[in-house]
Amino acid sequence: MTPDAALTALRALAEPGRAEGMAAYHKQSREVIGISNPALNAITTDWRRTLPVPERVSLAGALWETDIFEARIAAAKLLTQARIRPDAEAWQLIATWAHDLDSWAIADHAMMAAQKRLAADPARLDEVEGWTTSENLWTRRAALVATLPFAKKNHPNATEAEVRARVLGWAEGYVSDKEWFIQKAVAWWLRDLSKHDAEATRAFLDGPGKGLKPFARREAAKHL
């Protein structure tokens, strides 16, 4: 499938009057087509099923470059899959997206794709660590969103436990970052961790987490 054909298919899913509301809600200055989530899920699921991996990666890259709201989300959905073989090019593309993020909805979808690739190869965490010092707050936030599944393990193996400890170290460095979305991301990570390792969450909140903003501390301790 060519990028032009894919974009034509996306535009055919537009609902009259929907684009304006979506643009306002997501605070988008880029073009918004006005596609419902179910419709976008359906078309990208079909593309994942029918397109071979190299073609999917190529299409995802082209859709991202259009800088259209739903096209970027569709690009992420094309690569959100547990098993992609081979996946090196998919990971490389997703990693470039991390430096090009500028809003939460696109960022979250892109990092859902990243989550699958990190689960497939935790060694990629070395690259993700570089995101934590980015000047782009969305890139810094992406490091926590991409690693969120590691907070949700009931019985982490040695590698998963090492990843969890490493990300908590990043979170400690984020405590002094007063950007709301960064504080929220730390709280989100700790909140999910608390369901599976309450002791580690309490230790963080009683230590470096004392410096979090009050709303973030409340959110992190929600399930304790």
N, C-alpha and C. Protein backbone atom coordinates (compact mmCIF):
# COMPACT_ATOMS: atom_id res chain seq x y z
N MET A 1 0.83 -1.20 0.00
CA MET A 1 0.00 0.00 0.00
C MET A 1 0.87 1.25 0.00
N THR A 2 0.52 2.18 -0.87
CA THR A 2 1.29 3.43 -0.93
C THR A 2 0.82 4.38 0.17
N PRO A 3 1.68 5.29 0.58
CA PRO A 3 1.26 6.29 1.57
C PRO A 3 0.05 7.11 1.10
N ASP A 4 0.01 7.43 -0.18
CA ASP A 4 -1.13 8.21 -0.69
C ASP A 4 -2.43 7.42 -0.56
N ALA A 5 -2.36 6.11 -0.84
CA ALA A 5 -3.56 5.28 -0.73
C ALA A 5 -4.00 5.17 0.72
N ALA A 6 -3.04 5.04 1.61
CA ALA A 6 -3.37 4.94 3.04
C ALA A 6 -4.01 6.24 3.53
N LEU A 7 -3.45 7.36 3.10
CA LEU A 7 -3.99 8.65 3.54
C LEU A 7 -5.40 8.86 2.97
N THR A 8 -5.61 8.43 1.74
CA THR A 8 -6.95 8.52 1.14
C THR A 8 -7.94 7.68 1.94
N ALA A 9 -7.51 6.49 2.36
CA ALA A 9 -8.37 5.62 3.16
C ALA A 9 -8.68 6.26 4.51
N LEU A 10 -7.70 6.93 5.09
CA LEU A 10 -7.94 7.60 6.37
C LEU A 10 -8.92 8.76 6.20
N ARG A 11 -8.73 9.53 5.17
CA ARG A 11 -9.62 10.68 4.95
C ARG A 11 -11.06 10.23 4.71
N ALA A 12 -11.23 9.04 4.15
CA ALA A 12 -12.58 8.53 3.90
C ALA A 12 -13.32 8.21 5.21
N LEU A 13 -12.58 8.13 6.31
CA LEU A 13 -13.18 7.81 7.60
C LEU A 13 -13.58 9.05 8.39
N ALA A 14 -13.33 10.23 7.84
CA ALA A 14 -13.64 11.47 8.54
C ALA A 14 -15.13 11.59 8.83
N GLU A 15 -15.45 12.06 10.03
CA GLU A 15 -16.84 12.32 10.41
C GLU A 15 -17.07 13.83 10.41
N PRO A 16 -18.10 14.29 9.72
CA PRO A 16 -18.36 15.74 9.64
C PRO A 16 -18.44 16.38 11.02
N GLY A 17 -17.72 17.48 11.20
CA GLY A 17 -17.76 18.22 12.44
C GLY A 17 -16.89 17.68 13.55
N ARG A 18 -16.29 16.52 13.37
CA ARG A 18 -15.51 15.91 14.44
C ARG A 18 -14.11 16.53 14.56
N ALA A 19 -13.52 16.94 13.47
CA ALA A 19 -12.14 17.43 13.48
C ALA A 19 -11.96 18.63 14.40
N GLU A 20 -12.91 19.56 14.36
CA GLU A 20 -12.78 20.78 15.15
C GLU A 20 -12.74 20.47 16.65
N GLY A 21 -13.63 19.58 17.08
CA GLY A 21 -13.66 19.22 18.49
C GLY A 21 -12.40 18.48 18.92
N MET A 22 -11.91 17.59 18.07
CA MET A 22 -10.69 16.85 18.39
C MET A 22 -9.49 17.79 18.47
N ALA A 23 -9.41 18.72 17.53
CA ALA A 23 -8.29 19.66 17.51
C ALA A 23 -8.27 20.49 18.78
N ALA A 24 -9.45 20.90 19.23
CA ALA A 24 -9.53 21.71 20.45
C ALA A 24 -9.18 20.87 21.67
N TYR A 25 -9.71 19.67 21.75
CA TYR A 25 -9.46 18.80 22.91
C TYR A 25 -7.99 18.44 23.03
N HIS A 26 -7.38 18.08 21.90
CA HIS A 26 -5.97 17.66 21.91
C HIS A 26 -5.00 18.82 21.72
N LYS A 27 -5.55 20.04 21.63
CA LYS A 27 -4.73 21.24 21.47
C LYS A 27 -3.75 21.10 20.30
N GLN A 28 -4.32 20.77 19.14
CA GLN A 28 -3.53 20.52 17.95
C GLN A 28 -3.53 21.72 17.00
N SER A 29 -2.35 22.09 16.54
CA SER A 29 -2.25 23.09 15.48
C SER A 29 -2.05 22.40 14.13
N ARG A 30 -1.67 21.11 14.17
CA ARG A 30 -1.53 20.33 12.93
C ARG A 30 -2.90 19.93 12.42
N GLU A 31 -2.95 19.43 11.19
CA GLU A 31 -4.22 19.00 10.62
C GLU A 31 -4.81 17.82 11.40
N VAL A 32 -6.08 17.89 11.66
CA VAL A 32 -6.84 16.80 12.28
C VAL A 32 -7.93 16.40 11.30
N ILE A 33 -8.00 15.13 10.96
CA ILE A 33 -8.98 14.66 9.97
C ILE A 33 -10.37 14.54 10.58
N GLY A 34 -10.45 14.00 11.79
CA GLY A 34 -11.73 13.79 12.44
C GLY A 34 -12.20 12.35 12.34
N ILE A 35 -11.35 11.43 12.80
CA ILE A 35 -11.65 9.99 12.74
C ILE A 35 -11.90 9.47 14.15
N SER A 36 -12.94 8.66 14.33
CA SER A 36 -13.22 8.09 15.64
C SER A 36 -12.17 7.03 15.98
N ASN A 37 -11.97 6.79 17.26
CA ASN A 37 -11.01 5.77 17.68
C ASN A 37 -11.36 4.38 17.14
N PRO A 38 -12.63 3.95 17.23
CA PRO A 38 -12.96 2.62 16.68
C PRO A 38 -12.63 2.47 15.20
N ALA A 39 -12.90 3.52 14.43
CA ALA A 39 -12.61 3.45 12.99
C ALA A 39 -11.11 3.39 12.74
N LEU A 40 -10.34 4.17 13.50
CA LEU A 40 -8.89 4.17 13.34
C LEU A 40 -8.31 2.83 13.77
N ASN A 41 -8.84 2.26 14.84
CA ASN A 41 -8.39 0.94 15.29
C ASN A 41 -8.67 -0.12 14.23
N ALA A 42 -9.85 -0.05 13.64
CA ALA A 42 -10.25 -1.07 12.67
C ALA A 42 -9.35 -1.06 11.44
N ILE A 43 -9.09 0.13 10.89
CA ILE A 43 -8.30 0.18 9.66
C ILE A 43 -6.84 -0.20 9.92
N THR A 44 -6.28 0.24 11.04
CA THR A 44 -4.88 -0.11 11.32
C THR A 44 -4.72 -1.58 11.68
N THR A 45 -5.74 -2.16 12.31
CA THR A 45 -5.70 -3.61 12.57
C THR A 45 -5.67 -4.38 11.27
N ASP A 46 -6.48 -3.95 10.32
CA ASP A 46 -6.50 -4.60 9.01
C ASP A 46 -5.15 -4.46 8.31
N TRP A 47 -4.55 -3.27 8.39
CA TRP A 47 -3.24 -3.08 7.77
C TRP A 47 -2.18 -3.97 8.43
N ARG A 48 -2.22 -4.09 9.74
CA ARG A 48 -1.25 -4.95 10.43
C ARG A 48 -1.37 -6.40 9.98
N ARG A 49 -2.59 -6.83 9.75
CA ARG A 49 -2.82 -8.22 9.37
C ARG A 49 -2.40 -8.53 7.94
N THR A 50 -2.49 -7.53 7.09
CA THR A 50 -2.29 -7.79 5.66
C THR A 50 -0.93 -7.35 5.11
N LEU A 51 -0.26 -6.43 5.79
CA LEU A 51 0.99 -5.91 5.25
C LEU A 51 2.20 -6.61 5.87
N PRO A 52 3.17 -7.02 5.08
CA PRO A 52 4.39 -7.60 5.64
C PRO A 52 5.16 -6.55 6.43
N VAL A 53 6.01 -7.01 7.33
CA VAL A 53 6.69 -6.11 8.26
C VAL A 53 7.44 -4.97 7.55
N PRO A 54 8.28 -5.26 6.55
CA PRO A 54 9.01 -4.14 5.91
C PRO A 54 8.08 -3.08 5.33
N GLU A 55 6.96 -3.52 4.73
CA GLU A 55 6.02 -2.57 4.14
C GLU A 55 5.31 -1.78 5.24
N ARG A 56 5.03 -2.43 6.35
CA ARG A 56 4.40 -1.74 7.47
C ARG A 56 5.30 -0.66 8.04
N VAL A 57 6.57 -1.00 8.22
CA VAL A 57 7.52 -0.03 8.76
C VAL A 57 7.65 1.16 7.81
N SER A 58 7.74 0.88 6.52
CA SER A 58 7.85 1.95 5.53
C SER A 58 6.61 2.84 5.55
N LEU A 59 5.43 2.21 5.61
CA LEU A 59 4.19 2.98 5.63
C LEU A 59 4.08 3.80 6.91
N ALA A 60 4.47 3.22 8.02
CA ALA A 60 4.42 3.93 9.30
C ALA A 60 5.31 5.18 9.25
N GLY A 61 6.49 5.03 8.68
CA GLY A 61 7.38 6.18 8.56
C GLY A 61 6.80 7.27 7.69
N ALA A 62 6.19 6.87 6.59
CA ALA A 62 5.60 7.86 5.68
C ALA A 62 4.40 8.56 6.30
N LEU A 63 3.56 7.80 6.99
CA LEU A 63 2.39 8.42 7.64
C LEU A 63 2.82 9.40 8.73
N TRP A 64 3.85 9.04 9.48
CA TRP A 64 4.34 9.94 10.52
C TRP A 64 4.82 11.25 9.90
N GLU A 65 5.49 11.17 8.78
CA GLU A 65 6.05 12.36 8.14
C GLU A 65 4.99 13.31 7.60
N THR A 66 3.76 12.84 7.43
CA THR A 66 2.70 13.75 6.97
C THR A 66 2.37 14.80 8.03
N ASP A 67 2.68 14.50 9.28
CA ASP A 67 2.39 15.38 10.42
C ASP A 67 0.89 15.65 10.57
N ILE A 68 0.08 14.72 10.12
CA ILE A 68 -1.37 14.78 10.34
C ILE A 68 -1.68 14.00 11.61
N PHE A 69 -2.54 14.52 12.45
CA PHE A 69 -2.81 13.93 13.76
C PHE A 69 -3.12 12.43 13.68
N GLU A 70 -4.16 12.07 12.97
CA GLU A 70 -4.55 10.66 12.91
C GLU A 70 -3.54 9.80 12.15
N ALA A 71 -2.84 10.41 11.20
CA ALA A 71 -1.83 9.65 10.46
C ALA A 71 -0.68 9.26 11.39
N ARG A 72 -0.30 10.14 12.29
CA ARG A 72 0.76 9.81 13.24
C ARG A 72 0.30 8.72 14.21
N ILE A 73 -0.94 8.81 14.65
CA ILE A 73 -1.45 7.76 15.53
C ILE A 73 -1.56 6.44 14.78
N ALA A 74 -1.99 6.49 13.54
CA ALA A 74 -2.05 5.27 12.73
C ALA A 74 -0.67 4.67 12.54
N ALA A 75 0.33 5.51 12.35
CA ALA A 75 1.70 5.02 12.21
C ALA A 75 2.11 4.24 13.44
N ALA A 76 1.79 4.78 14.62
CA ALA A 76 2.13 4.09 15.86
C ALA A 76 1.38 2.78 15.98
N LYS A 77 0.10 2.79 15.64
CA LYS A 77 -0.70 1.57 15.75
C LYS A 77 -0.20 0.48 14.80
N LEU A 78 0.34 0.88 13.66
CA LEU A 78 0.89 -0.11 12.72
C LEU A 78 2.01 -0.93 13.34
N LEU A 79 2.72 -0.33 14.32
CA LEU A 79 3.87 -1.00 14.91
C LEU A 79 3.63 -1.42 16.36
N THR A 80 2.38 -1.35 16.81
CA THR A 80 2.04 -1.77 18.17
C THR A 80 1.60 -3.23 18.13
N GLN A 81 2.56 -4.10 18.31
CA GLN A 81 2.33 -5.54 18.21
C GLN A 81 3.43 -6.25 18.96
N ALA A 82 3.07 -7.26 19.73
CA ALA A 82 4.07 -7.96 20.55
C ALA A 82 5.12 -8.63 19.69
N ARG A 83 4.67 -9.33 18.65
CA ARG A 83 5.61 -10.09 17.82
C ARG A 83 5.77 -9.43 16.46
N ILE A 84 6.91 -8.85 16.25
CA ILE A 84 7.29 -8.32 14.94
C ILE A 84 8.66 -8.88 14.63
N ARG A 85 8.76 -9.64 13.56
CA ARG A 85 10.04 -10.26 13.20
C ARG A 85 10.33 -10.01 11.72
N PRO A 86 11.49 -9.44 11.42
CA PRO A 86 12.45 -8.84 12.36
C PRO A 86 11.93 -7.49 12.84
N ASP A 87 12.45 -7.00 13.97
CA ASP A 87 11.89 -5.76 14.51
C ASP A 87 12.92 -4.64 14.67
N ALA A 88 14.14 -4.84 14.19
CA ALA A 88 15.18 -3.82 14.37
C ALA A 88 14.78 -2.50 13.70
N GLU A 89 14.28 -2.57 12.47
CA GLU A 89 13.91 -1.34 11.76
C GLU A 89 12.69 -0.69 12.42
N ALA A 90 11.78 -1.50 12.92
CA ALA A 90 10.61 -0.95 13.61
C ALA A 90 11.06 -0.19 14.85
N TRP A 91 11.97 -0.78 15.62
CA TRP A 91 12.47 -0.10 16.81
C TRP A 91 13.20 1.19 16.45
N GLN A 92 14.03 1.14 15.44
CA GLN A 92 14.78 2.33 15.04
C GLN A 92 13.84 3.48 14.67
N LEU A 93 12.75 3.15 13.98
CA LEU A 93 11.79 4.17 13.59
C LEU A 93 11.09 4.75 14.83
N ILE A 94 10.63 3.88 15.71
CA ILE A 94 9.96 4.33 16.93
C ILE A 94 10.88 5.21 17.76
N ALA A 95 12.15 4.83 17.84
CA ALA A 95 13.12 5.60 18.63
C ALA A 95 13.31 7.01 18.05
N THR A 96 13.22 7.14 16.73
CA THR A 96 13.32 8.49 16.15
C THR A 96 12.09 9.31 16.51
N TRP A 97 10.93 8.65 16.59
CA TRP A 97 9.71 9.37 16.95
C TRP A 97 9.81 9.99 18.34
N ALA A 98 10.54 9.34 19.22
CA ALA A 98 10.63 9.83 20.60
C ALA A 98 11.18 11.24 20.67
N HIS A 99 11.96 11.63 19.68
CA HIS A 99 12.55 12.97 19.68
C HIS A 99 11.69 13.98 18.92
N ASP A 100 10.54 13.51 18.43
CA ASP A 100 9.69 14.35 17.59
C ASP A 100 8.29 14.52 18.20
N LEU A 101 8.17 14.22 19.49
CA LEU A 101 6.87 14.25 20.16
C LEU A 101 6.54 15.66 20.64
N ASP A 102 5.24 15.98 20.60
CA ASP A 102 4.84 17.32 21.04
C ASP A 102 3.45 17.38 21.65
N SER A 103 2.82 16.23 21.85
CA SER A 103 1.50 16.22 22.48
C SER A 103 1.24 14.85 23.07
N TRP A 104 0.38 14.80 24.09
CA TRP A 104 0.24 13.57 24.86
C TRP A 104 -0.40 12.42 24.08
N ALA A 105 -1.40 12.68 23.27
CA ALA A 105 -2.09 11.59 22.59
C ALA A 105 -1.17 10.87 21.60
N ILE A 106 -0.48 11.64 20.77
CA ILE A 106 0.46 11.04 19.83
C ILE A 106 1.60 10.36 20.58
N ALA A 107 2.10 11.02 21.62
CA ALA A 107 3.20 10.45 22.40
C ALA A 107 2.81 9.13 23.03
N ASP A 108 1.60 9.05 23.59
CA ASP A 108 1.19 7.82 24.25
C ASP A 108 1.04 6.67 23.26
N HIS A 109 0.49 6.95 22.09
CA HIS A 109 0.37 5.88 21.09
C HIS A 109 1.74 5.43 20.59
N ALA A 110 2.63 6.38 20.35
CA ALA A 110 3.97 6.01 19.89
C ALA A 110 4.69 5.17 20.94
N MET A 111 4.51 5.52 22.20
CA MET A 111 5.21 4.78 23.25
C MET A 111 4.55 3.44 23.58
N MET A 112 3.29 3.26 23.20
CA MET A 112 2.70 1.92 23.28
C MET A 112 3.42 0.97 22.33
N ALA A 113 3.77 1.50 21.16
CA ALA A 113 4.57 0.70 20.22
C ALA A 113 5.95 0.42 20.80
N ALA A 114 6.53 1.42 21.45
CA ALA A 114 7.85 1.26 22.07
C ALA A 114 7.82 0.21 23.18
N GLN A 115 6.74 0.18 23.95
CA GLN A 115 6.61 -0.80 25.02
C GLN A 115 6.79 -2.23 24.51
N LYS A 116 6.18 -2.53 23.39
CA LYS A 116 6.27 -3.89 22.82
C LYS A 116 7.70 -4.23 22.41
N ARG A 117 8.39 -3.25 21.85
CA ARG A 117 9.76 -3.51 21.38
C ARG A 117 10.74 -3.60 22.55
N LEU A 118 10.48 -2.87 23.63
CA LEU A 118 11.34 -2.98 24.81
C LEU A 118 11.12 -4.32 25.49
N ALA A 119 9.89 -4.80 25.51
CA ALA A 119 9.62 -6.11 26.08
C ALA A 119 10.32 -7.19 25.27
N ALA A 120 10.38 -6.99 23.95
CA ALA A 120 11.05 -7.96 23.09
C ALA A 120 12.55 -7.96 23.28
N ASP A 121 13.12 -6.79 23.61
CA ASP A 121 14.57 -6.67 23.80
C ASP A 121 14.87 -5.58 24.83
N PRO A 122 14.92 -5.95 26.12
CA PRO A 122 15.17 -4.95 27.17
C PRO A 122 16.52 -4.25 27.04
N ALA A 123 17.45 -4.80 26.25
CA ALA A 123 18.74 -4.13 26.06
C ALA A 123 18.56 -2.76 25.42
N ARG A 124 17.43 -2.54 24.78
CA ARG A 124 17.15 -1.24 24.16
C ARG A 124 16.99 -0.14 25.20
N LEU A 125 16.92 -0.52 26.46
CA LEU A 125 16.80 0.47 27.51
C LEU A 125 18.00 1.42 27.53
N ASP A 126 19.14 0.96 27.05
CA ASP A 126 20.31 1.84 26.98
C ASP A 126 20.01 3.06 26.13
N GLU A 127 19.30 2.85 25.03
CA GLU A 127 18.96 3.98 24.16
C GLU A 127 17.90 4.86 24.82
N VAL A 128 16.93 4.23 25.47
CA VAL A 128 15.86 4.98 26.13
C VAL A 128 16.42 5.87 27.22
N GLU A 129 17.46 5.42 27.90
CA GLU A 129 18.05 6.23 28.96
C GLU A 129 18.50 7.59 28.43
N GLY A 130 18.92 7.64 27.18
CA GLY A 130 19.32 8.91 26.59
C GLY A 130 18.17 9.89 26.48
N TRP A 131 16.94 9.38 26.43
CA TRP A 131 15.79 10.26 26.34
C TRP A 131 15.59 11.06 27.62
N THR A 132 16.07 10.54 28.74
CA THR A 132 15.78 11.15 30.03
C THR A 132 16.43 12.52 30.21
N THR A 133 17.40 12.84 29.39
CA THR A 133 18.08 14.13 29.51
C THR A 133 17.76 15.07 28.34
N SER A 134 16.75 14.70 27.55
CA SER A 134 16.37 15.52 26.40
C SER A 134 15.82 16.87 26.85
N GLU A 135 16.00 17.89 26.02
CA GLU A 135 15.40 19.19 26.28
C GLU A 135 13.89 19.17 26.01
N ASN A 136 13.44 18.19 25.24
CA ASN A 136 12.02 18.04 24.91
C ASN A 136 11.32 17.32 26.06
N LEU A 137 10.39 17.96 26.73
CA LEU A 137 9.73 17.34 27.87
C LEU A 137 8.98 16.08 27.46
N TRP A 138 8.47 16.03 26.22
CA TRP A 138 7.74 14.84 25.77
C TRP A 138 8.68 13.66 25.57
N THR A 139 9.91 13.93 25.20
CA THR A 139 10.90 12.86 25.07
C THR A 139 11.28 12.34 26.45
N ARG A 140 11.46 13.24 27.40
CA ARG A 140 11.76 12.82 28.77
C ARG A 140 10.60 11.98 29.32
N ARG A 141 9.40 12.44 29.11
CA ARG A 141 8.22 11.70 29.56
C ARG A 141 8.13 10.34 28.90
N ALA A 142 8.51 10.28 27.62
CA ALA A 142 8.41 9.04 26.86
C ALA A 142 9.21 7.91 27.50
N ALA A 143 10.32 8.23 28.15
CA ALA A 143 11.13 7.20 28.78
C ALA A 143 10.33 6.45 29.85
N LEU A 144 9.47 7.15 30.56
CA LEU A 144 8.64 6.49 31.58
C LEU A 144 7.44 5.77 30.97
N VAL A 145 6.81 6.38 29.99
CA VAL A 145 5.66 5.74 29.35
C VAL A 145 6.08 4.45 28.65
N ALA A 146 7.22 4.48 27.98
CA ALA A 146 7.70 3.31 27.24
C ALA A 146 8.04 2.14 28.16
N THR A 147 8.41 2.44 29.39
CA THR A 147 8.83 1.38 30.33
C THR A 147 7.74 1.01 31.32
N LEU A 148 6.54 1.56 31.18
CA LEU A 148 5.47 1.34 32.14
C LEU A 148 5.14 -0.14 32.38
N PRO A 149 5.16 -1.01 31.35
CA PRO A 149 4.86 -2.42 31.62
C PRO A 149 5.77 -3.07 32.66
N PHE A 150 6.99 -2.56 32.80
CA PHE A 150 7.90 -3.15 33.78
C PHE A 150 7.47 -2.83 35.21
N ALA A 151 6.63 -1.83 35.38
CA ALA A 151 6.09 -1.51 36.71
C ALA A 151 4.95 -2.45 37.08
N LYS A 152 4.43 -3.18 36.10
CA LYS A 152 3.21 -3.97 36.30
C LYS A 152 3.47 -5.46 36.48
N LYS A 153 4.73 -5.84 36.65
CA LYS A 153 5.07 -7.25 36.79
C LYS A 153 4.88 -7.69 38.24
N ASN A 154 4.06 -8.74 38.44
CA ASN A 154 3.89 -9.28 39.78
C ASN A 154 5.12 -10.02 40.27
N HIS A 155 5.72 -10.77 39.36
CA HIS A 155 6.89 -11.56 39.72
C HIS A 155 7.98 -11.33 38.67
N PRO A 156 8.63 -10.16 38.71
CA PRO A 156 9.63 -9.85 37.69
C PRO A 156 10.82 -10.80 37.75
N ASN A 157 11.31 -11.19 36.57
CA ASN A 157 12.54 -11.99 36.56
C ASN A 157 13.72 -11.05 36.81
N ALA A 158 14.91 -11.59 36.77
CA ALA A 158 16.09 -10.79 37.12
C ALA A 158 16.25 -9.58 36.20
N THR A 159 16.04 -9.80 34.90
CA THR A 159 16.18 -8.70 33.95
C THR A 159 15.11 -7.64 34.18
N GLU A 160 13.88 -8.07 34.40
CA GLU A 160 12.78 -7.13 34.62
C GLU A 160 12.96 -6.35 35.92
N ALA A 161 13.47 -7.02 36.94
CA ALA A 161 13.73 -6.33 38.21
C ALA A 161 14.83 -5.29 38.05
N GLU A 162 15.83 -5.62 37.24
CA GLU A 162 16.91 -4.67 36.97
C GLU A 162 16.38 -3.45 36.23
N VAL A 163 15.50 -3.69 35.25
CA VAL A 163 14.90 -2.59 34.51
C VAL A 163 14.09 -1.70 35.46
N ARG A 164 13.31 -2.34 36.32
CA ARG A 164 12.47 -1.59 37.26
C ARG A 164 13.33 -0.68 38.14
N ALA A 165 14.41 -1.23 38.67
CA ALA A 165 15.30 -0.43 39.53
C ALA A 165 15.93 0.71 38.74
N ARG A 166 16.26 0.45 37.50
CA ARG A 166 16.90 1.46 36.66
C ARG A 166 15.94 2.61 36.39
N VAL A 167 14.69 2.27 36.08
CA VAL A 167 13.70 3.31 35.78
C VAL A 167 13.38 4.12 37.04
N LEU A 168 13.35 3.47 38.18
CA LEU A 168 13.15 4.22 39.42
C LEU A 168 14.28 5.22 39.64
N GLY A 169 15.47 4.87 39.19
CA GLY A 169 16.58 5.82 39.24
C GLY A 169 16.32 7.02 38.35
N TRP A 170 15.76 6.78 37.16
CA TRP A 170 15.39 7.89 36.28
C TRP A 170 14.33 8.75 36.96
N ALA A 171 13.34 8.08 37.57
CA ALA A 171 12.25 8.80 38.22
C ALA A 171 12.80 9.70 39.34
N GLU A 172 13.80 9.21 40.04
CA GLU A 172 14.41 10.02 41.09
C GLU A 172 14.99 11.31 40.49
N GLY A 173 15.61 11.18 39.33
CA GLY A 173 16.15 12.36 38.67
C GLY A 173 15.07 13.31 38.18
N TYR A 174 13.85 12.79 37.97
CA TYR A 174 12.75 13.61 37.48
C TYR A 174 12.04 14.38 38.59
N VAL A 175 12.28 14.02 39.83
CA VAL A 175 11.56 14.64 40.94
C VAL A 175 11.71 16.16 40.93
N SER A 176 12.88 16.64 40.59
CA SER A 176 13.12 18.09 40.59
C SER A 176 12.61 18.78 39.33
N ASP A 177 12.14 17.99 38.35
CA ASP A 177 11.58 18.55 37.12
C ASP A 177 10.13 18.93 37.39
N LYS A 178 9.83 20.20 37.41
CA LYS A 178 8.50 20.65 37.83
C LYS A 178 7.47 20.73 36.71
N GLU A 179 7.84 20.29 35.50
CA GLU A 179 6.85 20.22 34.42
C GLU A 179 5.71 19.29 34.84
N TRP A 180 4.47 19.74 34.65
CA TRP A 180 3.31 18.97 35.10
C TRP A 180 3.28 17.58 34.49
N PHE A 181 3.55 17.48 33.19
CA PHE A 181 3.48 16.19 32.52
C PHE A 181 4.58 15.23 33.00
N ILE A 182 5.70 15.78 33.44
CA ILE A 182 6.76 14.92 33.99
C ILE A 182 6.37 14.42 35.37
N GLN A 183 5.87 15.32 36.21
CA GLN A 183 5.41 14.92 37.54
C GLN A 183 4.30 13.87 37.42
N LYS A 184 3.38 14.09 36.48
CA LYS A 184 2.28 13.15 36.27
C LYS A 184 2.81 11.79 35.82
N ALA A 185 3.81 11.78 34.96
CA ALA A 185 4.37 10.52 34.48
C ALA A 185 5.04 9.74 35.60
N VAL A 186 5.77 10.43 36.47
CA VAL A 186 6.38 9.77 37.63
C VAL A 186 5.29 9.18 38.51
N ALA A 187 4.25 9.96 38.77
CA ALA A 187 3.14 9.49 39.61
C ALA A 187 2.46 8.28 38.98
N TRP A 188 2.28 8.32 37.67
CA TRP A 188 1.64 7.22 36.94
C TRP A 188 2.47 5.94 37.10
N TRP A 189 3.77 6.06 36.93
CA TRP A 189 4.67 4.90 37.05
C TRP A 189 4.59 4.32 38.47
N LEU A 190 4.67 5.19 39.46
CA LEU A 190 4.63 4.74 40.85
C LEU A 190 3.27 4.17 41.22
N ARG A 191 2.22 4.77 40.73
CA ARG A 191 0.87 4.26 41.00
C ARG A 191 0.71 2.83 40.50
N ASP A 192 1.17 2.57 39.28
CA ASP A 192 1.09 1.21 38.75
C ASP A 192 2.01 0.26 39.49
N LEU A 193 3.20 0.74 39.85
CA LEU A 193 4.12 -0.08 40.61
C LEU A 193 3.54 -0.47 41.97
N SER A 194 2.79 0.44 42.58
CA SER A 194 2.26 0.19 43.92
C SER A 194 1.33 -1.02 43.96
N LYS A 195 0.70 -1.35 42.83
CA LYS A 195 -0.20 -2.51 42.78
C LYS A 195 0.57 -3.82 42.79
N HIS A 196 1.86 -3.76 42.50
CA HIS A 196 2.66 -4.98 42.36
C HIS A 196 3.86 -5.00 43.31
N ASP A 197 4.29 -3.83 43.77
CA ASP A 197 5.40 -3.75 44.72
C ASP A 197 5.19 -2.51 45.59
N ALA A 198 4.29 -2.67 46.56
CA ALA A 198 3.95 -1.55 47.44
C ALA A 198 5.16 -1.09 48.25
N GLU A 199 5.99 -2.04 48.64
CA GLU A 199 7.15 -1.70 49.46
C GLU A 199 8.10 -0.77 48.72
N ALA A 200 8.39 -1.08 47.47
CA ALA A 200 9.29 -0.23 46.68
C ALA A 200 8.68 1.15 46.45
N THR A 201 7.37 1.19 46.26
CA THR A 201 6.71 2.47 46.05
C THR A 201 6.78 3.33 47.31
N ARG A 202 6.50 2.72 48.45
CA ARG A 202 6.59 3.47 49.71
C ARG A 202 8.01 3.97 49.96
N ALA A 203 9.00 3.12 49.65
CA ALA A 203 10.40 3.52 49.85
C ALA A 203 10.74 4.73 49.00
N PHE A 204 10.23 4.75 47.78
CA PHE A 204 10.49 5.90 46.90
C PHE A 204 9.82 7.15 47.46
N LEU A 205 8.56 7.03 47.86
CA LEU A 205 7.82 8.19 48.35
C LEU A 205 8.38 8.71 49.67
N ASP A 206 8.93 7.80 50.47
CA ASP A 206 9.53 8.22 51.75
C ASP A 206 10.94 8.76 51.57
N GLY A 207 11.50 8.54 50.35
CA GLY A 207 12.85 9.02 50.06
C GLY A 207 12.81 10.14 49.05
N PRO A 208 13.32 9.89 47.83
CA PRO A 208 13.38 10.96 46.83
C PRO A 208 12.02 11.51 46.46
N GLY A 209 10.98 10.69 46.60
CA GLY A 209 9.64 11.12 46.23
C GLY A 209 9.06 12.21 47.10
N LYS A 210 9.73 12.53 48.20
CA LYS A 210 9.26 13.64 49.04
C LYS A 210 9.29 14.96 48.28
N GLY A 211 10.11 15.02 47.26
CA GLY A 211 10.23 16.25 46.48
C GLY A 211 9.20 16.39 45.38
N LEU A 212 8.37 15.37 45.16
CA LEU A 212 7.32 15.48 44.15
C LEU A 212 6.29 16.52 44.55
N LYS A 213 5.62 17.09 43.57
CA LYS A 213 4.53 18.00 43.85
C LYS A 213 3.42 17.26 44.58
N PRO A 214 2.65 17.93 45.43
CA PRO A 214 1.61 17.27 46.20
C PRO A 214 0.64 16.44 45.36
N PHE A 215 0.21 16.95 44.20
CA PHE A 215 -0.73 16.19 43.39
C PHE A 215 -0.11 14.88 42.91
N ALA A 216 1.19 14.91 42.60
CA ALA A 216 1.87 13.71 42.12
C ALA A 216 2.03 12.69 43.25
N ARG A 217 2.33 13.15 44.45
CA ARG A 217 2.43 12.24 45.59
C ARG A 217 1.08 11.58 45.87
N ARG A 218 0.00 12.36 45.80
CA ARG A 218 -1.32 11.79 46.02
C ARG A 218 -1.64 10.73 44.98
N GLU A 219 -1.34 11.04 43.72
CA GLU A 219 -1.62 10.09 42.64
C GLU A 219 -0.79 8.83 42.81
N ALA A 220 0.49 8.99 43.15
CA ALA A 220 1.37 7.83 43.30
C ALA A 220 0.92 6.92 44.43
N ALA A 221 0.37 7.49 45.49
CA ALA A 221 -0.03 6.73 46.67
C ALA A 221 -1.49 6.28 46.62
N LYS A 222 -2.14 6.49 45.52
CA LYS A 222 -3.58 6.24 45.41
C LYS A 222 -3.98 4.84 45.82
N HIS A 223 -3.17 3.84 45.51
CA HIS A 223 -3.52 2.45 45.78
C HIS A 223 -2.80 1.86 46.98
N LEU A 224 -2.05 2.68 47.70
CA LEU A 224 -1.34 2.19 48.87
C LEU A 224 -2.27 2.18 50.09
